Amino acid sequence: MRLDRLDRWLLGTLAAGIVAAGWFARRDDATPAEVRPAAPPSVQRPLSPAQAPAPARSSLPVPADTPPNQRIQVERLLASHDPHDAFAAYELVARCAAFNVEHDAPVFDEEELKHWKGDTVPGFRGMTAPEKEREARVCDGMTERERQSRLDYLAIAAAADVPGAAIAYAREGPFGDPSALETRPDDPLVKEWKTRAAGQLAQAAEMDADLSALAYLAGENFNGSGLTARDPLLAYRYTTAMAMIYADMFGPNHPMARMNDEADLTPAQRDAEQAAARRIADRARERRKQAAPGGG
């Protein structure tokens, strides 16, 4: 797959697809609004799970066959003081906030993946009427304070290097306002946020070998953005690392293993970035071994 240009939509969709596939695959059909994946916090220092503002208790009646209201779910998640649960709380609130506006949400469906029509992100479809009704009950009554509190939950997760949180943090932007990167680039708080966001993404890509972070940063560095300057070397490194990881996992003939960013690099630059990409791919292999049953 030759990439004469790294399209931000293409790689952004890939990154979102990687995150979302894991998100929806982990969801229990019996409790469709209880989620696990990913958008970022304020520039203020992240709160600890104990410090995060607890959502107000719901006084709404909940039918016995309906998943708990998002307020109750968030309260339970925060009570664990686990950054992974703080991220789940963030994602639940973010998902409900989006649903309350759009009245729909993407749903991962294996049948859609098997019979992809070519006009959507592979494997995803819109909600059915019963799914929308259940989601509406779960997301009912969200206040603006609860919606904004998602950024505090995300800050906890991103600071703890929870998978997926670095991308979510970057997508949310400073104070939950991505436009601040363009409108207030010299604001010290915006600069502080950029430093933190870039560091978290680099950690996820370079040290955690996270495929979604690699895809996200490949696009950001190829095109340039309010978060990162254009850097063809890093774009090439991350694209090459992704191809190597896919080759390790699925063999050299997998379409993603044949990704090729035709960057205009010198032979020395190409060799150096390929070596860096190989180190990332080796970390990914080691992490897969450790995660396997009986792994170290």
Protein backbone atom coordinates (compact mmCIF):
# COMPACT_ATOMS: atom_id res chain seq x y z
CA MET A 1 0.00 0.00 0.00
CA ARG A 2 1.92 3.01 -1.22
CA LEU A 3 1.25 6.25 0.62
CA ASP A 4 2.36 9.10 -1.63
CA ARG A 5 0.69 11.31 0.92
CA LEU A 6 -0.43 10.54 4.44
CA ASP A 7 -3.99 11.71 4.50
CA ARG A 8 -5.00 12.92 7.98
CA TRP A 9 -8.51 11.53 7.52
CA LEU A 10 -7.17 8.13 6.50
CA LEU A 11 -4.82 7.75 9.44
CA GLY A 12 -7.20 9.45 11.82
CA THR A 13 -9.91 7.01 10.79
CA LEU A 14 -7.47 4.15 11.23
CA ALA A 15 -6.52 5.35 14.69
CA ALA A 16 -10.16 5.81 15.63
CA GLY A 17 -11.00 2.41 14.24
CA ILE A 18 -8.27 0.71 16.25
CA VAL A 19 -9.44 2.39 19.45
CA ALA A 20 -13.12 1.99 18.76
CA ALA A 21 -12.89 -1.65 17.77
CA GLY A 22 -11.35 -2.41 21.14
CA TRP A 23 -13.92 -0.18 22.83
CA PHE A 24 -17.00 -1.79 21.36
CA ALA A 25 -15.57 -5.30 21.44
CA ARG A 26 -15.24 -4.95 25.21
CA ARG A 27 -18.77 -3.71 25.74
CA ASP A 28 -21.33 -6.05 27.24
CA ASP A 29 -24.47 -6.20 25.08
CA ALA A 30 -26.56 -6.40 28.23
CA THR A 31 -25.20 -3.05 29.37
CA PRO A 32 -24.53 -1.16 26.13
CA ALA A 33 -23.65 2.16 27.70
CA GLU A 34 -20.92 0.86 30.00
CA VAL A 35 -17.87 1.58 27.91
CA ARG A 36 -14.10 1.21 27.91
CA PRO A 37 -12.10 3.63 25.50
CA ALA A 38 -11.70 7.66 24.03
CA ALA A 39 -11.08 12.81 24.22
CA PRO A 40 -8.60 15.25 27.04
CA PRO A 41 -8.50 17.43 30.10
CA SER A 42 -7.90 20.90 31.19
CA VAL A 43 -4.39 22.21 31.45
CA GLN A 44 -4.67 22.25 35.20
CA ARG A 45 -2.83 19.54 37.10
CA PRO A 46 -4.75 16.24 36.87
CA LEU A 47 -6.83 15.37 39.87
CA SER A 48 -6.49 12.04 41.62
CA PRO A 49 -9.49 9.70 41.37
CA ALA A 50 -10.36 10.66 44.94
CA GLN A 51 -10.28 14.37 44.04
CA ALA A 52 -12.30 14.09 40.84
CA PRO A 53 -15.71 15.73 41.22
CA ALA A 54 -18.34 13.08 41.83
CA PRO A 55 -21.41 13.34 39.61
CA ALA A 56 -24.71 14.16 41.20
CA ARG A 57 -26.84 11.18 42.14
CA SER A 58 -29.73 10.58 39.78
CA SER A 59 -33.27 10.81 41.06
CA LEU A 60 -34.71 9.48 37.79
CA PRO A 61 -36.52 6.12 37.90
CA VAL A 62 -34.61 3.43 35.99
CA PRO A 63 -36.53 0.45 34.56
CA ALA A 64 -35.27 -2.90 35.82
CA ASP A 65 -34.22 -4.04 32.34
CA THR A 66 -32.27 -0.85 31.55
CA PRO A 67 -28.55 -0.34 32.25
CA PRO A 68 -27.85 2.13 35.08
CA ASN A 69 -27.97 5.82 34.29
CA GLN A 70 -24.59 7.28 33.39
CA ARG A 71 -24.45 9.12 36.73
CA ILE A 72 -24.60 5.85 38.63
CA GLN A 73 -22.08 4.16 36.35
CA VAL A 74 -19.62 7.06 36.66
CA GLU A 75 -19.98 7.11 40.42
CA ARG A 76 -19.18 3.38 40.61
CA LEU A 77 -16.17 3.73 38.31
CA LEU A 78 -14.66 6.63 40.24
CA ALA A 79 -15.10 4.79 43.52
CA SER A 80 -12.41 2.28 42.45
CA HIS A 81 -9.71 5.00 42.29
CA ASP A 82 -8.31 3.12 39.26
CA PRO A 83 -7.09 5.30 36.32
CA HIS A 84 -8.48 2.72 33.88
CA ASP A 85 -11.90 3.19 35.43
CA ALA A 86 -11.44 6.96 35.31
CA PHE A 87 -10.89 6.58 31.56
CA ALA A 88 -14.00 4.43 31.28
CA ALA A 89 -15.92 7.18 33.11
CA TYR A 90 -14.55 9.77 30.70
CA GLU A 91 -15.58 7.71 27.69
CA LEU A 92 -19.04 7.06 29.03
CA VAL A 93 -19.65 10.76 29.64
CA ALA A 94 -18.13 11.74 26.28
CA ARG A 95 -20.24 9.14 24.52
CA CYS A 96 -23.42 10.30 26.22
CA ALA A 97 -22.62 13.94 25.49
CA ALA A 98 -22.27 13.08 21.79
CA PHE A 99 -25.38 10.90 21.79
CA ASN A 100 -27.46 13.63 23.38
CA VAL A 101 -26.57 15.86 20.43
CA GLU A 102 -26.56 13.36 17.57
CA HIS A 103 -29.14 10.87 18.89
CA ASP A 104 -27.03 8.12 17.34
CA ALA A 105 -23.63 6.51 17.84
CA PRO A 106 -21.36 4.11 15.92
CA VAL A 107 -21.78 0.45 16.84
CA PHE A 108 -19.16 -2.20 16.13
CA ASP A 109 -20.80 -5.14 14.36
CA GLU A 110 -18.90 -8.17 13.07
CA GLU A 111 -21.48 -8.67 10.33
CA GLU A 112 -20.77 -5.17 9.06
CA LEU A 113 -17.09 -6.05 9.04
CA LYS A 114 -17.73 -9.23 7.04
CA HIS A 115 -20.01 -7.48 4.54
CA TRP A 116 -18.45 -4.03 4.33
CA LYS A 117 -20.17 -1.83 1.74
CA GLY A 118 -17.25 0.58 1.41
CA ASP A 119 -19.08 3.71 2.57
CA THR A 120 -18.38 3.57 6.32
CA VAL A 121 -15.55 2.82 8.74
CA PRO A 122 -15.20 -0.97 8.35
CA GLY A 123 -17.17 -2.87 10.98
CA PHE A 124 -19.37 -0.01 12.17
CA ARG A 125 -23.03 0.88 11.70
CA GLY A 126 -25.54 3.26 13.19
CA MET A 127 -27.76 2.34 16.14
CA THR A 128 -31.03 0.47 15.82
CA ALA A 129 -34.19 1.96 17.33
CA PRO A 130 -34.05 -0.24 20.47
CA GLU A 131 -30.36 0.61 20.95
CA LYS A 132 -31.17 4.31 20.68
CA GLU A 133 -33.96 3.97 23.24
CA ARG A 134 -31.70 2.24 25.77
CA GLU A 135 -28.90 4.75 25.20
CA ALA A 136 -31.31 7.65 25.66
CA ARG A 137 -32.34 6.26 29.05
CA VAL A 138 -28.75 5.81 30.16
CA CYS A 139 -27.70 9.27 28.99
CA ASP A 140 -30.78 11.11 30.22
CA GLY A 141 -30.41 14.13 32.48
CA MET A 142 -26.73 14.90 31.96
CA THR A 143 -25.82 18.36 33.24
CA GLU A 144 -23.21 20.71 31.81
CA ARG A 145 -21.09 20.21 34.94
CA GLU A 146 -21.14 16.45 34.40
CA ARG A 147 -20.20 16.89 30.76
CA GLN A 148 -17.26 19.12 31.65
CA SER A 149 -16.11 16.76 34.42
CA ARG A 150 -15.14 14.24 31.75
CA LEU A 151 -11.95 16.26 31.25
CA ASP A 152 -10.91 15.66 34.85
CA TYR A 153 -11.48 11.93 34.49
CA LEU A 154 -9.46 11.92 31.27
CA ALA A 155 -6.60 13.84 32.87
CA ILE A 156 -6.27 11.10 35.46
CA ALA A 157 -6.14 8.40 32.78
CA ALA A 158 -3.74 10.22 30.48
CA ALA A 159 -1.31 10.98 33.32
CA ALA A 160 -1.34 7.26 34.19
CA ASP A 161 -0.61 6.20 30.58
CA VAL A 162 -3.89 4.31 30.19
CA PRO A 163 -4.13 2.94 26.62
CA GLY A 164 -6.14 5.27 24.37
CA ALA A 165 -6.09 8.20 26.79
CA ALA A 166 -3.22 10.07 25.08
CA ILE A 167 -5.14 10.30 21.81
CA ALA A 168 -8.31 11.32 23.61
CA TYR A 169 -6.37 14.04 25.44
CA ALA A 170 -4.97 15.34 22.17
CA ARG A 171 -8.33 15.33 20.44
CA GLU A 172 -10.05 17.26 23.24
CA GLY A 173 -7.57 20.10 23.05
CA PRO A 174 -6.74 22.64 25.80
CA PHE A 175 -9.66 23.00 28.23
CA GLY A 176 -11.70 20.81 25.88
CA ASP A 177 -11.34 23.47 23.16
CA PRO A 178 -9.17 22.38 20.18
CA SER A 179 -9.54 25.83 18.61
CA ALA A 180 -7.37 27.28 21.40
CA LEU A 181 -4.34 25.83 19.59
CA GLU A 182 -5.00 28.26 16.75
CA THR A 183 -6.55 31.20 18.57
CA ARG A 184 -4.24 31.32 21.60
CA PRO A 185 -0.96 29.66 20.59
CA ASP A 186 1.11 31.92 22.87
CA ASP A 187 -1.01 31.39 25.98
CA PRO A 188 1.29 29.78 28.62
CA LEU A 189 -1.44 27.36 29.61
CA VAL A 190 -1.96 26.29 26.01
CA LYS A 191 1.78 25.79 25.63
CA GLU A 192 1.83 23.72 28.80
CA TRP A 193 -1.03 21.60 27.47
CA LYS A 194 0.79 21.06 24.17
CA THR A 195 3.92 19.91 25.95
CA ARG A 196 1.94 17.46 28.06
CA ALA A 197 -0.15 16.19 25.14
CA ALA A 198 2.89 15.68 22.90
CA GLY A 199 4.77 13.89 25.67
CA GLN A 200 1.87 11.54 26.36
CA LEU A 201 1.49 10.70 22.67
CA ALA A 202 5.22 10.08 22.29
CA GLN A 203 5.14 7.76 25.29
CA ALA A 204 2.21 5.82 23.83
CA ALA A 205 3.85 5.51 20.42
CA GLU A 206 7.54 5.06 21.22
CA MET A 207 7.47 3.14 24.50
CA ASP A 208 4.04 1.49 24.53
CA ALA A 209 4.09 0.74 20.77
CA ASP A 210 0.38 1.57 20.68
CA LEU A 211 -0.91 1.16 17.11
CA SER A 212 -3.57 3.83 17.49
CA ALA A 213 -1.01 6.35 18.78
CA LEU A 214 1.36 5.46 15.94
CA ALA A 215 -1.39 6.01 13.37
CA TYR A 216 -2.43 9.29 14.97
CA LEU A 217 1.11 10.67 15.15
CA ALA A 218 1.94 9.52 11.62
CA GLY A 219 -0.82 11.74 10.29
CA GLU A 220 -0.08 14.63 12.63
CA ASN A 221 3.63 14.68 11.78
CA PHE A 222 3.12 14.27 8.06
CA ASN A 223 0.58 17.06 7.73
CA GLY A 224 1.47 19.26 10.70
CA SER A 225 -1.15 20.57 13.10
CA GLY A 226 -1.71 22.90 16.00
CA LEU A 227 -0.20 20.22 18.20
CA THR A 228 2.82 19.13 16.17
CA ALA A 229 4.91 20.76 13.48
CA ARG A 230 5.32 18.91 10.19
CA ASP A 231 8.07 16.31 10.61
CA PRO A 232 8.55 13.88 7.69
CA LEU A 233 11.14 11.90 9.64
CA LEU A 234 8.76 11.06 12.45
CA ALA A 235 5.90 10.45 10.02
CA TYR A 236 8.09 7.91 8.22
CA ARG A 237 9.19 6.31 11.50
CA TYR A 238 5.66 5.79 12.77
CA THR A 239 4.25 4.59 9.44
CA THR A 240 7.14 2.13 9.09
CA ALA A 241 6.68 0.92 12.67
CA MET A 242 3.00 0.25 11.98
CA ALA A 243 3.87 -1.76 8.88
CA MET A 244 6.44 -3.78 10.82
CA ILE A 245 3.97 -4.52 13.62
CA TYR A 246 1.33 -5.71 11.18
CA ALA A 247 3.92 -7.85 9.41
CA ASP A 248 4.93 -9.40 12.73
CA MET A 249 1.33 -10.09 13.65
CA PHE A 250 -0.21 -11.12 10.32
CA GLY A 251 2.65 -11.76 7.92
CA PRO A 252 4.31 -9.63 5.24
CA ASN A 253 1.43 -9.94 2.78
CA HIS A 254 -1.11 -8.20 5.03
CA PRO A 255 -2.22 -4.93 3.34
CA MET A 256 -1.19 -2.85 6.35
CA ALA A 257 2.20 -4.57 6.41
CA ARG A 258 2.84 -3.19 2.92
CA MET A 259 2.22 0.42 3.92
CA ASN A 260 4.95 2.54 2.41
CA ASP A 261 5.32 6.25 3.09
CA GLU A 262 7.45 7.43 0.16
CA ALA A 263 9.15 10.13 2.20
CA ASP A 264 11.91 12.19 0.60
CA LEU A 265 14.69 11.12 2.95
CA THR A 266 18.40 10.63 2.55
CA PRO A 267 19.69 7.05 2.85
CA ALA A 268 21.16 7.86 6.27
CA GLN A 269 17.86 9.35 7.49
CA ARG A 270 15.93 6.38 6.16
CA ASP A 271 18.25 3.91 7.89
CA ALA A 272 18.03 5.77 11.20
CA GLU A 273 14.23 5.97 11.13
CA GLN A 274 13.88 2.33 10.10
CA ALA A 275 16.06 1.35 13.06
CA ALA A 276 13.86 3.44 15.38
CA ALA A 277 10.76 1.86 13.85
CA ARG A 278 12.21 -1.61 14.40
CA ARG A 279 12.75 -0.80 18.08
CA ILE A 280 9.10 0.19 18.39
CA ALA A 281 7.97 -2.99 16.62
CA ASP A 282 10.21 -5.07 18.90
CA ARG A 283 8.57 -3.45 21.93
CA ALA A 284 5.17 -4.29 20.49
CA ARG A 285 6.21 -7.92 20.07
CA GLU A 286 7.51 -8.08 23.62
CA ARG A 287 4.31 -6.57 25.00
CA ARG A 288 2.24 -9.15 23.09
CA LYS A 289 4.36 -11.94 24.55
CA GLN A 290 3.90 -10.59 28.07
CA ALA A 291 0.15 -10.26 27.55
CA ALA A 292 -0.21 -13.82 26.22
CA PRO A 293 -1.29 -16.57 28.64
CA GLY A 294 1.80 -17.74 30.48
CA GLY A 295 3.78 -14.70 29.29
CA GLY A 296 6.26 -12.92 31.49
